[in-house]
Amino acid sequence: MRKQFRGAMENPNLEYFGNIVIGNNGDITLDELRGLGFDAVLVSAGAQGTKWLGLPGEELEGVYHAKEVVYALQ
């Protein structure tokens, strides 16, 4: 998985901001993040396995396991 992640990070159209807290008391607010002008924003949490967090909306279209995202970016 690390190899696939490193490969995805080589994509010149991708900007990675890791280990940040998004929220009113975080490193950046959601409004500030939206204001950066990205076409898409990926918010992720997890590890190598494919586990759900039990959050509302996990079953919605466009919600994926991190593993699926990393492999799709290659």
PDB file of N, CA and C in Angstrom:
ATOM      1  N   MET A   1       0.821  -1.186   0.000  1.00  0.00           N
ATOM      2  CA  MET A   1       0.000   0.000   0.000  1.00  0.00           C
ATOM      3  C   MET A   1       0.872   1.260   0.000  1.00  0.00           C
ATOM      4  N   ARG A   2       1.965   1.233   0.706  1.00  0.00           N
ATOM      5  CA  ARG A   2       2.848   2.409   0.735  1.00  0.00           C
ATOM      6  C   ARG A   2       3.395   2.714  -0.652  1.00  0.00           C
ATOM      7  N   LYS A   3       3.756   1.668  -1.382  1.00  0.00           N
ATOM      8  CA  LYS A   3       4.270   1.852  -2.737  1.00  0.00           C
ATOM      9  C   LYS A   3       3.211   2.516  -3.623  1.00  0.00           C
ATOM     10  N   GLN A   4       1.986   2.071  -3.517  1.00  0.00           N
ATOM     11  CA  GLN A   4       0.910   2.652  -4.306  1.00  0.00           C
ATOM     12  C   GLN A   4       0.655   4.110  -3.901  1.00  0.00           C
ATOM     13  N   PHE A   5       0.719   4.389  -2.616  1.00  0.00           N
ATOM     14  CA  PHE A   5       0.509   5.756  -2.136  1.00  0.00           C
ATOM     15  C   PHE A   5       1.607   6.680  -2.659  1.00  0.00           C
ATOM     16  N   ARG A   6       2.865   6.233  -2.561  1.00  0.00           N
ATOM     17  CA  ARG A   6       3.972   7.052  -3.071  1.00  0.00           C
ATOM     18  C   ARG A   6       3.801   7.318  -4.563  1.00  0.00           C
ATOM     19  N   GLY A   7       3.362   6.309  -5.318  1.00  0.00           N
ATOM     20  CA  GLY A   7       3.131   6.482  -6.749  1.00  0.00           C
ATOM     21  C   GLY A   7       2.044   7.507  -7.020  1.00  0.00           C
ATOM     22  N   ALA A   8       0.977   7.470  -6.243  1.00  0.00           N
ATOM     23  CA  ALA A   8      -0.110   8.435  -6.408  1.00  0.00           C
ATOM     24  C   ALA A   8       0.367   9.854  -6.105  1.00  0.00           C
ATOM     25  N   MET A   9       1.247  10.003  -5.133  1.00  0.00           N
ATOM     26  CA  MET A   9       1.746  11.319  -4.747  1.00  0.00           C
ATOM     27  C   MET A   9       2.631  11.946  -5.821  1.00  0.00           C
ATOM     28  N   GLU A  10       3.087  11.173  -6.779  1.00  0.00           N
ATOM     29  CA  GLU A  10       3.896  11.699  -7.875  1.00  0.00           C
ATOM     30  C   GLU A  10       3.055  12.372  -8.957  1.00  0.00           C
ATOM     31  N   ASN A  11       1.740  12.265  -8.854  1.00  0.00           N
ATOM     32  CA  ASN A  11       0.844  12.901  -9.818  1.00  0.00           C
ATOM     33  C   ASN A  11       0.981  14.423  -9.698  1.00  0.00           C
ATOM     34  N   PRO A  12       1.372  15.120 -10.783  1.00  0.00           N
ATOM     35  CA  PRO A  12       1.581  16.573 -10.691  1.00  0.00           C
ATOM     36  C   PRO A  12       0.285  17.362 -10.464  1.00  0.00           C
ATOM     37  N   ASN A  13      -0.861  16.736 -10.665  1.00  0.00           N
ATOM     38  CA  ASN A  13      -2.138  17.415 -10.458  1.00  0.00           C
ATOM     39  C   ASN A  13      -2.679  17.232  -9.049  1.00  0.00           C
ATOM     40  N   LEU A  14      -1.887  16.654  -8.185  1.00  0.00           N
ATOM     41  CA  LEU A  14      -2.324  16.343  -6.843  1.00  0.00           C
ATOM     42  C   LEU A  14      -1.527  17.159  -5.831  1.00  0.00           C
ATOM     43  N   GLU A  15      -2.227  17.781  -4.904  1.00  0.00           N
ATOM     44  CA  GLU A  15      -1.577  18.471  -3.791  1.00  0.00           C
ATOM     45  C   GLU A  15      -1.989  17.754  -2.521  1.00  0.00           C
ATOM     46  N   TYR A  16      -1.023  17.414  -1.694  1.00  0.00           N
ATOM     47  CA  TYR A  16      -1.282  16.647  -0.482  1.00  0.00           C
ATOM     48  C   TYR A  16      -1.016  17.501   0.746  1.00  0.00           C
ATOM     49  N   PHE A  17      -1.999  17.561   1.617  1.00  0.00           N
ATOM     50  CA  PHE A  17      -1.868  18.220   2.909  1.00  0.00           C
ATOM     51  C   PHE A  17      -2.226  17.169   3.950  1.00  0.00           C
ATOM     52  N   GLY A  18      -1.251  16.649   4.650  1.00  0.00           N
ATOM     53  CA  GLY A  18      -1.512  15.570   5.590  1.00  0.00           C
ATOM     54  C   GLY A  18      -1.477  16.005   7.029  1.00  0.00           C
ATOM     55  N   ASN A  19      -2.156  15.235   7.836  1.00  0.00           N
ATOM     56  CA  ASN A  19      -2.165  15.425   9.288  1.00  0.00           C
ATOM     57  C   ASN A  19      -2.619  16.820   9.698  1.00  0.00           C
ATOM     58  N   ILE A  20      -3.707  17.275   9.102  1.00  0.00           N
ATOM     59  CA  ILE A  20      -4.282  18.559   9.487  1.00  0.00           C
ATOM     60  C   ILE A  20      -5.685  18.344  10.031  1.00  0.00           C
ATOM     61  N   VAL A  21      -6.119  19.289  10.832  1.00  0.00           N
ATOM     62  CA  VAL A  21      -7.463  19.249  11.403  1.00  0.00           C
ATOM     63  C   VAL A  21      -8.300  20.292  10.674  1.00  0.00           C
ATOM     64  N   ILE A  22      -9.439  19.855  10.150  1.00  0.00           N
ATOM     65  CA  ILE A  22     -10.349  20.758   9.446  1.00  0.00           C
ATOM     66  C   ILE A  22     -11.495  21.086  10.387  1.00  0.00           C
ATOM     67  N   GLY A  23     -11.706  22.363  10.639  1.00  0.00           N
ATOM     68  CA  GLY A  23     -12.782  22.782  11.530  1.00  0.00           C
ATOM     69  C   GLY A  23     -12.538  24.179  12.047  1.00  0.00           C
ATOM     70  N   ASN A  24     -13.517  24.724  12.748  1.00  0.00           N
ATOM     71  CA  ASN A  24     -13.423  26.097  13.242  1.00  0.00           C
ATOM     72  C   ASN A  24     -12.231  26.306  14.172  1.00  0.00           C
ATOM     73  N   ASN A  25     -11.847  25.300  14.915  1.00  0.00           N
ATOM     74  CA  ASN A  25     -10.697  25.412  15.812  1.00  0.00           C
ATOM     75  C   ASN A  25      -9.510  24.604  15.299  1.00  0.00           C
ATOM     76  N   GLY A  26      -9.539  24.249  14.019  1.00  0.00           N
ATOM     77  CA  GLY A  26      -8.486  23.421  13.450  1.00  0.00           C
ATOM     78  C   GLY A  26      -7.434  24.229  12.724  1.00  0.00           C
ATOM     79  N   ASP A  27      -6.665  23.525  11.903  1.00  0.00           N
ATOM     80  CA  ASP A  27      -5.617  24.163  11.117  1.00  0.00           C
ATOM     81  C   ASP A  27      -6.184  25.000   9.983  1.00  0.00           C
ATOM     82  N   ILE A  28      -7.340  24.593   9.469  1.00  0.00           N
ATOM     83  CA  ILE A  28      -8.013  25.295   8.379  1.00  0.00           C
ATOM     84  C   ILE A  28      -9.507  25.027   8.503  1.00  0.00           C
ATOM     85  N   THR A  29     -10.317  26.024   8.190  1.00  0.00           N
ATOM     86  CA  THR A  29     -11.765  25.820   8.244  1.00  0.00           C
ATOM     87  C   THR A  29     -12.239  25.221   6.920  1.00  0.00           C
ATOM     88  N   LEU A  30     -13.412  24.662   6.926  1.00  0.00           N
ATOM     89  CA  LEU A  30     -13.979  24.099   5.707  1.00  0.00           C
ATOM     90  C   LEU A  30     -14.178  25.189   4.657  1.00  0.00           C
ATOM     91  N   ASP A  31     -14.596  26.368   5.068  1.00  0.00           N
ATOM     92  CA  ASP A  31     -14.762  27.483   4.124  1.00  0.00           C
ATOM     93  C   ASP A  31     -13.418  27.894   3.511  1.00  0.00           C
ATOM     94  N   GLU A  32     -12.366  27.932   4.316  1.00  0.00           N
ATOM     95  CA  GLU A  32     -11.034  28.253   3.790  1.00  0.00           C
ATOM     96  C   GLU A  32     -10.577  27.194   2.793  1.00  0.00           C
ATOM     97  N   LEU A  33     -10.852  25.940   3.114  1.00  0.00           N
ATOM     98  CA  LEU A  33     -10.492  24.844   2.217  1.00  0.00           C
ATOM     99  C   LEU A  33     -11.221  24.969   0.886  1.00  0.00           C
ATOM    100  N   ARG A  34     -12.508  25.255   0.947  1.00  0.00           N
ATOM    101  CA  ARG A  34     -13.294  25.460  -0.284  1.00  0.00           C
ATOM    102  C   ARG A  34     -12.757  26.643  -1.081  1.00  0.00           C
ATOM    103  N   GLY A  35     -12.278  27.659  -0.403  1.00  0.00           N
ATOM    104  CA  GLY A  35     -11.779  28.866  -1.048  1.00  0.00           C
ATOM    105  C   GLY A  35     -10.455  28.689  -1.768  1.00  0.00           C
ATOM    106  N   LEU A  36      -9.797  27.565  -1.577  1.00  0.00           N
ATOM    107  CA  LEU A  36      -8.516  27.326  -2.248  1.00  0.00           C
ATOM    108  C   LEU A  36      -8.677  27.040  -3.737  1.00  0.00           C
ATOM    109  N   GLY A  37      -9.905  26.778  -4.171  1.00  0.00           N
ATOM    110  CA  GLY A  37     -10.181  26.644  -5.601  1.00  0.00           C
ATOM    111  C   GLY A  37      -9.902  25.284  -6.207  1.00  0.00           C
ATOM    112  N   PHE A  38      -9.795  24.246  -5.403  1.00  0.00           N
ATOM    113  CA  PHE A  38      -9.574  22.910  -5.945  1.00  0.00           C
ATOM    114  C   PHE A  38     -10.830  22.412  -6.655  1.00  0.00           C
ATOM    115  N   ASP A  39     -10.653  21.543  -7.640  1.00  0.00           N
ATOM    116  CA  ASP A  39     -11.788  20.910  -8.314  1.00  0.00           C
ATOM    117  C   ASP A  39     -12.426  19.842  -7.437  1.00  0.00           C
ATOM    118  N   ALA A  40     -11.635  19.238  -6.576  1.00  0.00           N
ATOM    119  CA  ALA A  40     -12.127  18.196  -5.678  1.00  0.00           C
ATOM    120  C   ALA A  40     -11.269  18.192  -4.426  1.00  0.00           C
ATOM    121  N   VAL A  41     -11.861  17.760  -3.337  1.00  0.00           N
ATOM    122  CA  VAL A  41     -11.149  17.641  -2.069  1.00  0.00           C
ATOM    123  C   VAL A  41     -11.409  16.238  -1.537  1.00  0.00           C
ATOM    124  N   LEU A  42     -10.356  15.565  -1.161  1.00  0.00           N
ATOM    125  CA  LEU A  42     -10.459  14.230  -0.584  1.00  0.00           C
ATOM    126  C   LEU A  42     -10.112  14.330   0.884  1.00  0.00           C
ATOM    127  N   VAL A  43     -11.052  13.980   1.729  1.00  0.00           N
ATOM    128  CA  VAL A  43     -10.813  13.947   3.164  1.00  0.00           C
ATOM    129  C   VAL A  43     -10.791  12.473   3.544  1.00  0.00           C
ATOM    130  N   SER A  44      -9.708  12.030   4.141  1.00  0.00           N
ATOM    131  CA  SER A  44      -9.601  10.596   4.419  1.00  0.00           C
ATOM    132  C   SER A  44      -9.073  10.331   5.810  1.00  0.00           C
ATOM    133  N   ALA A  45      -9.407   9.167   6.284  1.00  0.00           N
ATOM    134  CA  ALA A  45      -8.905   8.653   7.554  1.00  0.00           C
ATOM    135  C   ALA A  45      -8.847   7.147   7.406  1.00  0.00           C
ATOM    136  N   GLY A  46      -7.845   6.551   7.970  1.00  0.00           N
ATOM    137  CA  GLY A  46      -7.817   5.104   7.893  1.00  0.00           C
ATOM    138  C   GLY A  46      -6.426   4.532   7.824  1.00  0.00           C
ATOM    139  N   ALA A  47      -6.388   3.271   7.494  1.00  0.00           N
ATOM    140  CA  ALA A  47      -5.134   2.538   7.422  1.00  0.00           C
ATOM    141  C   ALA A  47      -5.196   1.599   6.229  1.00  0.00           C
ATOM    142  N   GLN A  48      -4.372   0.579   6.235  1.00  0.00           N
ATOM    143  CA  GLN A  48      -4.312  -0.333   5.108  1.00  0.00           C
ATOM    144  C   GLN A  48      -5.582  -1.145   4.937  1.00  0.00           C
ATOM    145  N   GLY A  49      -6.267  -1.426   5.995  1.00  0.00           N
ATOM    146  CA  GLY A  49      -7.485  -2.213   5.911  1.00  0.00           C
ATOM    147  C   GLY A  49      -8.652  -1.399   5.395  1.00  0.00           C
ATOM    148  N   THR A  50      -9.751  -2.067   5.173  1.00  0.00           N
ATOM    149  CA  THR A  50     -10.954  -1.380   4.696  1.00  0.00           C
ATOM    150  C   THR A  50     -12.028  -1.480   5.769  1.00  0.00           C
ATOM    151  N   LYS A  51     -12.012  -0.530   6.676  1.00  0.00           N
ATOM    152  CA  LYS A  51     -12.983  -0.498   7.773  1.00  0.00           C
ATOM    153  C   LYS A  51     -13.793   0.781   7.687  1.00  0.00           C
ATOM    154  N   TRP A  52     -15.071   0.671   7.985  1.00  0.00           N
ATOM    155  CA  TRP A  52     -15.919   1.854   8.064  1.00  0.00           C
ATOM    156  C   TRP A  52     -15.801   2.449   9.461  1.00  0.00           C
ATOM    157  N   LEU A  53     -16.027   3.755   9.564  1.00  0.00           N
ATOM    158  CA  LEU A  53     -15.912   4.450  10.848  1.00  0.00           C
ATOM    159  C   LEU A  53     -17.235   4.560  11.591  1.00  0.00           C
ATOM    160  N   GLY A  54     -18.329   4.198  10.923  1.00  0.00           N
ATOM    161  CA  GLY A  54     -19.638   4.309  11.555  1.00  0.00           C
ATOM    162  C   GLY A  54     -20.186   5.719  11.520  1.00  0.00           C
ATOM    163  N   LEU A  55     -19.757   6.511  10.542  1.00  0.00           N
ATOM    164  CA  LEU A  55     -20.195   7.903  10.427  1.00  0.00           C
ATOM    165  C   LEU A  55     -21.412   8.016   9.523  1.00  0.00           C
ATOM    166  N   PRO A  56     -22.285   8.973   9.790  1.00  0.00           N
ATOM    167  CA  PRO A  56     -23.420   9.187   8.900  1.00  0.00           C
ATOM    168  C   PRO A  56     -22.934   9.530   7.491  1.00  0.00           C
ATOM    169  N   GLY A  57     -23.537   8.936   6.488  1.00  0.00           N
ATOM    170  CA  GLY A  57     -23.197   9.232   5.108  1.00  0.00           C
ATOM    171  C   GLY A  57     -22.165   8.310   4.488  1.00  0.00           C
ATOM    172  N   GLU A  58     -21.636   7.374   5.248  1.00  0.00           N
ATOM    173  CA  GLU A  58     -20.622   6.473   4.701  1.00  0.00           C
ATOM    174  C   GLU A  58     -21.134   5.663   3.519  1.00  0.00           C
ATOM    175  N   GLU A  59     -22.417   5.440   3.477  1.00  0.00           N
ATOM    176  CA  GLU A  59     -23.000   4.615   2.421  1.00  0.00           C
ATOM    177  C   GLU A  59     -23.352   5.415   1.168  1.00  0.00           C
ATOM    178  N   LEU A  60     -23.110   6.704   1.174  1.00  0.00           N
ATOM    179  CA  LEU A  60     -23.483   7.560   0.050  1.00  0.00           C
ATOM    180  C   LEU A  60     -22.573   7.351  -1.156  1.00  0.00           C
ATOM    181  N   GLU A  61     -23.111   7.673  -2.317  1.00  0.00           N
ATOM    182  CA  GLU A  61     -22.324   7.620  -3.539  1.00  0.00           C
ATOM    183  C   GLU A  61     -21.147   8.588  -3.424  1.00  0.00           C
ATOM    184  N   GLY A  62     -19.984   8.159  -3.856  1.00  0.00           N
ATOM    185  CA  GLY A  62     -18.797   9.005  -3.798  1.00  0.00           C
ATOM    186  C   GLY A  62     -17.985   8.843  -2.527  1.00  0.00           C
ATOM    187  N   VAL A  63     -18.388   7.939  -1.643  1.00  0.00           N
ATOM    188  CA  VAL A  63     -17.626   7.643  -0.433  1.00  0.00           C
ATOM    189  C   VAL A  63     -16.926   6.309  -0.659  1.00  0.00           C
ATOM    190  N   TYR A  64     -15.600   6.314  -0.524  1.00  0.00           N
ATOM    191  CA  TYR A  64     -14.808   5.134  -0.828  1.00  0.00           C
ATOM    192  C   TYR A  64     -13.846   4.813   0.310  1.00  0.00           C
ATOM    193  N   HIS A  65     -13.425   3.561   0.352  1.00  0.00           N
ATOM    194  CA  HIS A  65     -12.353   3.176   1.271  1.00  0.00           C
ATOM    195  C   HIS A  65     -11.057   3.788   0.756  1.00  0.00           C
ATOM    196  N   ALA A  66     -10.152   4.131   1.664  1.00  0.00           N
ATOM    197  CA  ALA A  66      -8.869   4.726   1.282  1.00  0.00           C
ATOM    198  C   ALA A  66      -8.108   3.834   0.316  1.00  0.00           C
ATOM    199  N   LYS A  67      -8.167   2.544   0.534  1.00  0.00           N
ATOM    200  CA  LYS A  67      -7.463   1.597  -0.340  1.00  0.00           C
ATOM    201  C   LYS A  67      -7.958   1.717  -1.784  1.00  0.00           C
ATOM    202  N   GLU A  68      -9.258   1.863  -1.970  1.00  0.00           N
ATOM    203  CA  GLU A  68      -9.824   2.022  -3.313  1.00  0.00           C
ATOM    204  C   GLU A  68      -9.319   3.292  -3.966  1.00  0.00           C
ATOM    205  N   VAL A  69      -9.204   4.354  -3.204  1.00  0.00           N
ATOM    206  CA  VAL A  69      -8.753   5.640  -3.734  1.00  0.00           C
ATOM    207  C   VAL A  69      -7.289   5.554  -4.163  1.00  0.00           C
ATOM    208  N   VAL A  70      -6.445   4.999  -3.317  1.00  0.00           N
ATOM    209  CA  VAL A  70      -5.017   4.922  -3.643  1.00  0.00           C
ATOM    210  C   VAL A  70      -4.797   4.106  -4.908  1.00  0.00           C
ATOM    211  N   TYR A  71      -5.462   2.970  -5.025  1.00  0.00           N
ATOM    212  CA  TYR A  71      -5.274   2.149  -6.214  1.00  0.00           C
ATOM    213  C   TYR A  71      -5.845   2.820  -7.465  1.00  0.00           C
ATOM    214  N   ALA A  72      -6.902   3.599  -7.322  1.00  0.00           N
ATOM    215  CA  ALA A  72      -7.512   4.277  -8.471  1.00  0.00           C
ATOM    216  C   ALA A  72      -6.650   5.433  -8.977  1.00  0.00           C
ATOM    217  N   LEU A  73      -5.813   6.022  -8.129  1.00  0.00           N
ATOM    218  CA  LEU A  73      -4.995   7.164  -8.514  1.00  0.00           C
ATOM    219  C   LEU A  73      -3.764   6.770  -9.326  1.00  0.00           C
ATOM    220  N   GLN A  74      -3.489   5.506  -9.443  1.00  0.00           N
ATOM    221  CA  GLN A  74      -2.285   5.085 -10.150  1.00  0.00           C
ATOM    222  C   GLN A  74      -2.446   5.193 -11.639  1.00  0.00           C
TER     223      GLN A  74
END
